[in-house]
Amino acid sequence: MKIYTKTGDKGETALYGGTRVSKASARVESYGNIDELNSFIGISKSYITDDEVLKQLKKIQFDLFTVGSEAATPVDKLMLANGKSRLPLIISDKEIEELENWMDAFEEKLEPLQYFILPGGGKSATFLHAARTICRRAERSLVFLNESEEVRSELIKYLNRLSDYLFVLARYISKINNEPEEYWNPNER
């Protein structure tokens, strides 16, 4: 099987279910942002050595494929007549709670925040901060899509929680790597 199909040469692509749309559509933008986020998490992983964190990030990358596949599927094509999802997996509250539990465990090991954190630190923390901002963009793009086409609320909630997780993880990685955080303190210039 060849990777190129030549069906997108005129600026269109097919959604799950066969509907063809412009590559500039809000739906394609949203799952493109999710794909970019997944790539940045992959870059972050290449600089992380903590096995538990790597296990979590691998699960998140798996979940992001699930989010992306659902974002590429119009809601009217998502459910079968019997009420089951056409997709093999969809994001649920279980995955959202998993992110919350991981965050809570990391936060127990961190100093409370007193100031805004400047994105940076070592390579792994810096890429995690970049992934966090891409995650926020992916979330905004799903919210924008939801203004014209229905998006399940669990997808937006998952990305919202994931951006929080990436922020906390960047702080945790900085701590275990002994890389000091830099703060934005408006009283210091």
C-alpha atoms as a PDB file:
ATOM      1  CA  MET A   1       0.000   0.000   0.000  1.00  0.00           C
ATOM      2  CA  LYS A   2       1.363   3.426  -0.937  1.00  0.00           C
ATOM      3  CA  ILE A   3       1.296   6.300   1.523  1.00  0.00           C
ATOM      4  CA  TYR A   4       0.178   8.789  -1.108  1.00  0.00           C
ATOM      5  CA  THR A   5      -3.302   8.604  -2.576  1.00  0.00           C
ATOM      6  CA  LYS A   6      -3.376  11.715  -4.797  1.00  0.00           C
ATOM      7  CA  THR A   7      -6.915  12.402  -3.517  1.00  0.00           C
ATOM      8  CA  GLY A   8      -5.830  15.467  -1.528  1.00  0.00           C
ATOM      9  CA  ASP A   9      -4.047  17.259  -4.328  1.00  0.00           C
ATOM     10  CA  LYS A  10      -6.865  19.781  -4.726  1.00  0.00           C
ATOM     11  CA  GLY A  11      -6.940  20.840  -1.076  1.00  0.00           C
ATOM     12  CA  GLU A  12      -9.571  18.421   0.139  1.00  0.00           C
ATOM     13  CA  THR A  13      -9.479  15.405   2.413  1.00  0.00           C
ATOM     14  CA  ALA A  14     -11.927  12.708   3.484  1.00  0.00           C
ATOM     15  CA  LEU A  15     -13.340  12.495   6.986  1.00  0.00           C
ATOM     16  CA  TYR A  16     -14.230   9.203   8.618  1.00  0.00           C
ATOM     17  CA  GLY A  17     -17.397   8.145   6.861  1.00  0.00           C
ATOM     18  CA  GLY A  18     -16.240   9.433   3.481  1.00  0.00           C
ATOM     19  CA  THR A  19     -17.382  13.063   3.518  1.00  0.00           C
ATOM     20  CA  ARG A  20     -14.883  15.256   1.638  1.00  0.00           C
ATOM     21  CA  VAL A  21     -14.016  18.633   3.146  1.00  0.00           C
ATOM     22  CA  SER A  22     -11.528  21.425   2.598  1.00  0.00           C
ATOM     23  CA  LYS A  23      -8.198  20.963   4.333  1.00  0.00           C
ATOM     24  CA  ALA A  24      -8.836  24.474   5.698  1.00  0.00           C
ATOM     25  CA  SER A  25     -12.002  23.354   7.537  1.00  0.00           C
ATOM     26  CA  ALA A  26     -12.321  23.779  11.297  1.00  0.00           C
ATOM     27  CA  ARG A  27     -12.535  20.000  11.716  1.00  0.00           C
ATOM     28  CA  VAL A  28      -9.291  19.343   9.823  1.00  0.00           C
ATOM     29  CA  GLU A  29      -7.607  22.195  11.731  1.00  0.00           C
ATOM     30  CA  SER A  30      -8.656  20.630  15.039  1.00  0.00           C
ATOM     31  CA  TYR A  31      -7.332  17.146  14.374  1.00  0.00           C
ATOM     32  CA  GLY A  32      -4.199  18.634  12.795  1.00  0.00           C
ATOM     33  CA  ASN A  33      -3.506  20.480  16.052  1.00  0.00           C
ATOM     34  CA  ILE A  34      -4.035  17.230  17.973  1.00  0.00           C
ATOM     35  CA  ASP A  35      -1.546  15.495  15.670  1.00  0.00           C
ATOM     36  CA  GLU A  36       1.009  18.277  16.220  1.00  0.00           C
ATOM     37  CA  LEU A  37       0.510  17.967  19.976  1.00  0.00           C
ATOM     38  CA  ASN A  38       1.139  14.231  19.790  1.00  0.00           C
ATOM     39  CA  SER A  39       4.401  14.879  17.923  1.00  0.00           C
ATOM     40  CA  PHE A  40       5.610  17.355  20.545  1.00  0.00           C
ATOM     41  CA  ILE A  41       4.868  14.871  23.289  1.00  0.00           C
ATOM     42  CA  GLY A  42       6.993  12.396  21.326  1.00  0.00           C
ATOM     43  CA  ILE A  43       9.837  14.929  21.220  1.00  0.00           C
ATOM     44  CA  SER A  44       9.487  15.476  24.974  1.00  0.00           C
ATOM     45  CA  LYS A  45       9.684  11.731  25.584  1.00  0.00           C
ATOM     46  CA  SER A  46      13.032  11.557  23.826  1.00  0.00           C
ATOM     47  CA  TYR A  47      14.532  13.691  26.634  1.00  0.00           C
ATOM     48  CA  ILE A  48      12.820  12.008  29.605  1.00  0.00           C
ATOM     49  CA  THR A  49      14.310   9.065  31.480  1.00  0.00           C
ATOM     50  CA  ASP A  50      11.692   8.485  34.215  1.00  0.00           C
ATOM     51  CA  ASP A  51       9.974   5.181  33.365  1.00  0.00           C
ATOM     52  CA  GLU A  52       6.660   6.032  35.036  1.00  0.00           C
ATOM     53  CA  VAL A  53       6.439   9.365  33.208  1.00  0.00           C
ATOM     54  CA  LEU A  54       7.296   7.674  29.912  1.00  0.00           C
ATOM     55  CA  LYS A  55       4.535   5.133  30.526  1.00  0.00           C
ATOM     56  CA  GLN A  56       2.037   7.937  31.167  1.00  0.00           C
ATOM     57  CA  LEU A  57       3.104   9.864  28.061  1.00  0.00           C
ATOM     58  CA  LYS A  58       2.801   6.755  25.893  1.00  0.00           C
ATOM     59  CA  LYS A  59      -0.764   6.273  27.180  1.00  0.00           C
ATOM     60  CA  ILE A  60      -1.501   9.942  26.457  1.00  0.00           C
ATOM     61  CA  GLN A  61      -0.189   9.586  22.906  1.00  0.00           C
ATOM     62  CA  PHE A  62      -2.467   6.582  22.470  1.00  0.00           C
ATOM     63  CA  ASP A  63      -5.388   8.625  23.845  1.00  0.00           C
ATOM     64  CA  LEU A  64      -4.557  11.495  21.482  1.00  0.00           C
ATOM     65  CA  PHE A  65      -4.970   9.150  18.517  1.00  0.00           C
ATOM     66  CA  THR A  66      -8.393   8.347  19.963  1.00  0.00           C
ATOM     67  CA  VAL A  67      -9.196  12.065  20.343  1.00  0.00           C
ATOM     68  CA  GLY A  68      -7.940  12.761  16.817  1.00  0.00           C
ATOM     69  CA  SER A  69      -9.967   9.973  15.252  1.00  0.00           C
ATOM     70  CA  GLU A  70     -13.086  11.254  16.950  1.00  0.00           C
ATOM     71  CA  ALA A  71     -12.296  14.840  15.943  1.00  0.00           C
ATOM     72  CA  ALA A  72     -12.077  13.568  12.342  1.00  0.00           C
ATOM     73  CA  THR A  73     -15.529  12.005  12.613  1.00  0.00           C
ATOM     74  CA  PRO A  74     -18.655  14.136  12.313  1.00  0.00           C
ATOM     75  CA  VAL A  75     -20.946  13.406  15.277  1.00  0.00           C
ATOM     76  CA  ASP A  76     -23.754  12.285  12.960  1.00  0.00           C
ATOM     77  CA  LYS A  77     -21.388   9.563  11.665  1.00  0.00           C
ATOM     78  CA  LEU A  78     -20.065   8.613  15.130  1.00  0.00           C
ATOM     79  CA  MET A  79     -22.881   6.491  16.476  1.00  0.00           C
ATOM     80  CA  LEU A  80     -24.333   3.344  14.937  1.00  0.00           C
ATOM     81  CA  ALA A  81     -28.041   2.557  14.950  1.00  0.00           C
ATOM     82  CA  ASN A  82     -27.578   0.355  18.036  1.00  0.00           C
ATOM     83  CA  GLY A  83     -26.178   3.315  20.033  1.00  0.00           C
ATOM     84  CA  LYS A  84     -22.572   2.102  19.972  1.00  0.00           C
ATOM     85  CA  SER A  85     -19.687   4.147  18.635  1.00  0.00           C
ATOM     86  CA  ARG A  86     -18.540   3.483  15.092  1.00  0.00           C
ATOM     87  CA  LEU A  87     -14.997   4.024  16.378  1.00  0.00           C
ATOM     88  CA  PRO A  88     -13.286   1.261  18.374  1.00  0.00           C
ATOM     89  CA  LEU A  89     -12.491   3.722  21.202  1.00  0.00           C
ATOM     90  CA  ILE A  90     -13.763   7.086  22.397  1.00  0.00           C
ATOM     91  CA  ILE A  91     -12.499   9.293  25.220  1.00  0.00           C
ATOM     92  CA  SER A  92     -14.475   9.019  28.442  1.00  0.00           C
ATOM     93  CA  ASP A  93     -14.369  10.414  31.956  1.00  0.00           C
ATOM     94  CA  LYS A  94     -12.016   7.521  32.828  1.00  0.00           C
ATOM     95  CA  GLU A  95      -9.166   9.044  30.783  1.00  0.00           C
ATOM     96  CA  ILE A  96      -9.865  12.509  32.218  1.00  0.00           C
ATOM     97  CA  GLU A  97      -9.750  11.172  35.778  1.00  0.00           C
ATOM     98  CA  GLU A  98      -6.507   9.370  34.981  1.00  0.00           C
ATOM     99  CA  LEU A  99      -4.888  12.706  34.056  1.00  0.00           C
ATOM    100  CA  GLU A 100      -6.217  14.266  37.265  1.00  0.00           C
ATOM    101  CA  ASN A 101      -4.813  11.441  39.395  1.00  0.00           C
ATOM    102  CA  TRP A 102      -1.386  11.704  37.758  1.00  0.00           C
ATOM    103  CA  MET A 103      -1.389  15.477  38.288  1.00  0.00           C
ATOM    104  CA  ASP A 104      -2.343  15.130  41.932  1.00  0.00           C
ATOM    105  CA  ALA A 105       0.547  12.708  42.512  1.00  0.00           C
ATOM    106  CA  PHE A 106       3.059  15.093  40.890  1.00  0.00           C
ATOM    107  CA  GLU A 107       1.723  18.150  42.727  1.00  0.00           C
ATOM    108  CA  GLU A 108       2.274  16.439  46.086  1.00  0.00           C
ATOM    109  CA  LYS A 109       6.008  16.498  45.278  1.00  0.00           C
ATOM    110  CA  LEU A 110       6.131  20.146  44.130  1.00  0.00           C
ATOM    111  CA  GLU A 111       6.357  23.457  45.910  1.00  0.00           C
ATOM    112  CA  PRO A 112       3.135  25.468  45.699  1.00  0.00           C
ATOM    113  CA  LEU A 113       3.046  28.038  42.914  1.00  0.00           C
ATOM    114  CA  GLN A 114       3.612  31.618  44.000  1.00  0.00           C
ATOM    115  CA  TYR A 115       4.320  33.207  40.603  1.00  0.00           C
ATOM    116  CA  PHE A 116       3.786  32.438  36.957  1.00  0.00           C
ATOM    117  CA  ILE A 117       6.434  30.127  35.529  1.00  0.00           C
ATOM    118  CA  LEU A 118       8.412  31.193  32.491  1.00  0.00           C
ATOM    119  CA  PRO A 119       8.379  28.350  29.947  1.00  0.00           C
ATOM    120  CA  GLY A 120      11.834  26.836  29.833  1.00  0.00           C
ATOM    121  CA  GLY A 121      14.156  24.762  31.925  1.00  0.00           C
ATOM    122  CA  GLY A 122      15.918  21.790  30.444  1.00  0.00           C
ATOM    123  CA  LYS A 123      15.046  20.305  27.072  1.00  0.00           C
ATOM    124  CA  SER A 124      12.354  17.957  28.349  1.00  0.00           C
ATOM    125  CA  ALA A 125      10.583  20.653  30.389  1.00  0.00           C
ATOM    126  CA  THR A 126      10.848  23.149  27.527  1.00  0.00           C
ATOM    127  CA  PHE A 127       9.256  20.726  25.069  1.00  0.00           C
ATOM    128  CA  LEU A 128       6.541  19.897  27.617  1.00  0.00           C
ATOM    129  CA  HIS A 129       5.753  23.630  27.906  1.00  0.00           C
ATOM    130  CA  ALA A 130       5.578  23.832  24.092  1.00  0.00           C
ATOM    131  CA  ALA A 131       3.280  20.784  24.069  1.00  0.00           C
ATOM    132  CA  ARG A 132       1.106  22.508  26.681  1.00  0.00           C
ATOM    133  CA  THR A 133       0.611  25.565  24.456  1.00  0.00           C
ATOM    134  CA  ILE A 134      -0.158  23.367  21.433  1.00  0.00           C
ATOM    135  CA  CYS A 135      -2.653  21.496  23.608  1.00  0.00           C
ATOM    136  CA  ARG A 136      -4.370  24.794  24.449  1.00  0.00           C
ATOM    137  CA  ARG A 137      -4.542  25.592  20.723  1.00  0.00           C
ATOM    138  CA  ALA A 138      -6.014  22.149  20.016  1.00  0.00           C
ATOM    139  CA  GLU A 139      -8.596  22.756  22.737  1.00  0.00           C
ATOM    140  CA  ARG A 140      -9.483  26.178  21.284  1.00  0.00           C
ATOM    141  CA  SER A 141      -9.827  24.669  17.821  1.00  0.00           C
ATOM    142  CA  LEU A 142     -12.293  22.058  19.120  1.00  0.00           C
ATOM    143  CA  VAL A 143     -14.256  24.799  20.899  1.00  0.00           C
ATOM    144  CA  PHE A 144     -14.319  26.750  17.615  1.00  0.00           C
ATOM    145  CA  LEU A 145     -15.476  23.648  15.725  1.00  0.00           C
ATOM    146  CA  ASN A 146     -18.170  23.094  18.363  1.00  0.00           C
ATOM    147  CA  GLU A 147     -19.654  26.500  17.494  1.00  0.00           C
ATOM    148  CA  SER A 148     -20.675  25.165  14.080  1.00  0.00           C
ATOM    149  CA  GLU A 149     -20.642  21.352  14.444  1.00  0.00           C
ATOM    150  CA  GLU A 150     -21.247  19.318  17.567  1.00  0.00           C
ATOM    151  CA  VAL A 151     -18.181  18.037  19.416  1.00  0.00           C
ATOM    152  CA  ARG A 152     -18.559  15.720  22.398  1.00  0.00           C
ATOM    153  CA  SER A 153     -17.754  17.658  25.558  1.00  0.00           C
ATOM    154  CA  GLU A 154     -15.392  14.897  26.760  1.00  0.00           C
ATOM    155  CA  LEU A 155     -12.922  15.761  23.981  1.00  0.00           C
ATOM    156  CA  ILE A 156     -12.706  19.410  25.012  1.00  0.00           C
ATOM    157  CA  LYS A 157     -12.512  18.473  28.692  1.00  0.00           C
ATOM    158  CA  TYR A 158      -9.747  15.929  28.002  1.00  0.00           C
ATOM    159  CA  LEU A 159      -7.586  18.498  26.198  1.00  0.00           C
ATOM    160  CA  ASN A 160      -8.226  21.073  28.915  1.00  0.00           C
ATOM    161  CA  ARG A 161      -7.069  18.646  31.580  1.00  0.00           C
ATOM    162  CA  LEU A 162      -4.150  17.466  29.447  1.00  0.00           C
ATOM    163  CA  SER A 163      -2.760  21.001  29.169  1.00  0.00           C
ATOM    164  CA  ASP A 164      -2.866  21.250  32.977  1.00  0.00           C
ATOM    165  CA  TYR A 165      -1.129  17.868  33.226  1.00  0.00           C
ATOM    166  CA  LEU A 166       1.627  18.978  30.827  1.00  0.00           C
ATOM    167  CA  PHE A 167       2.209  22.115  32.910  1.00  0.00           C
ATOM    168  CA  VAL A 168       2.485  20.135  36.147  1.00  0.00           C
ATOM    169  CA  LEU A 169       4.660  17.521  34.457  1.00  0.00           C
ATOM    170  CA  ALA A 170       7.046  20.201  33.147  1.00  0.00           C
ATOM    171  CA  ARG A 171       7.417  21.459  36.717  1.00  0.00           C
ATOM    172  CA  TYR A 172       7.959  17.922  38.029  1.00  0.00           C
ATOM    173  CA  ILE A 173      10.560  17.107  35.377  1.00  0.00           C
ATOM    174  CA  SER A 174      12.402  20.337  36.174  1.00  0.00           C
ATOM    175  CA  LYS A 175      12.457  19.311  39.828  1.00  0.00           C
ATOM    176  CA  ILE A 176      13.731  15.751  39.329  1.00  0.00           C
ATOM    177  CA  ASN A 177      16.356  16.995  36.844  1.00  0.00           C
ATOM    178  CA  ASN A 178      17.484  19.736  39.279  1.00  0.00           C
ATOM    179  CA  GLU A 179      16.693  22.421  36.687  1.00  0.00           C
ATOM    180  CA  PRO A 180      15.451  25.530  38.480  1.00  0.00           C
ATOM    181  CA  GLU A 181      12.214  27.126  37.374  1.00  0.00           C
ATOM    182  CA  GLU A 182      12.246  30.761  36.373  1.00  0.00           C
ATOM    183  CA  TYR A 183       9.394  32.915  37.578  1.00  0.00           C
ATOM    184  CA  TRP A 184       7.575  35.888  36.170  1.00  0.00           C
ATOM    185  CA  ASN A 185       7.426  38.181  39.139  1.00  0.00           C
ATOM    186  CA  PRO A 186       6.097  41.628  38.184  1.00  0.00           C
ATOM    187  CA  ASN A 187       7.923  43.097  41.183  1.00  0.00           C
ATOM    188  CA  GLU A 188      11.312  42.092  39.767  1.00  0.00           C
ATOM    189  CA  ARG A 189      12.729  43.370  36.499  1.00  0.00           C
END
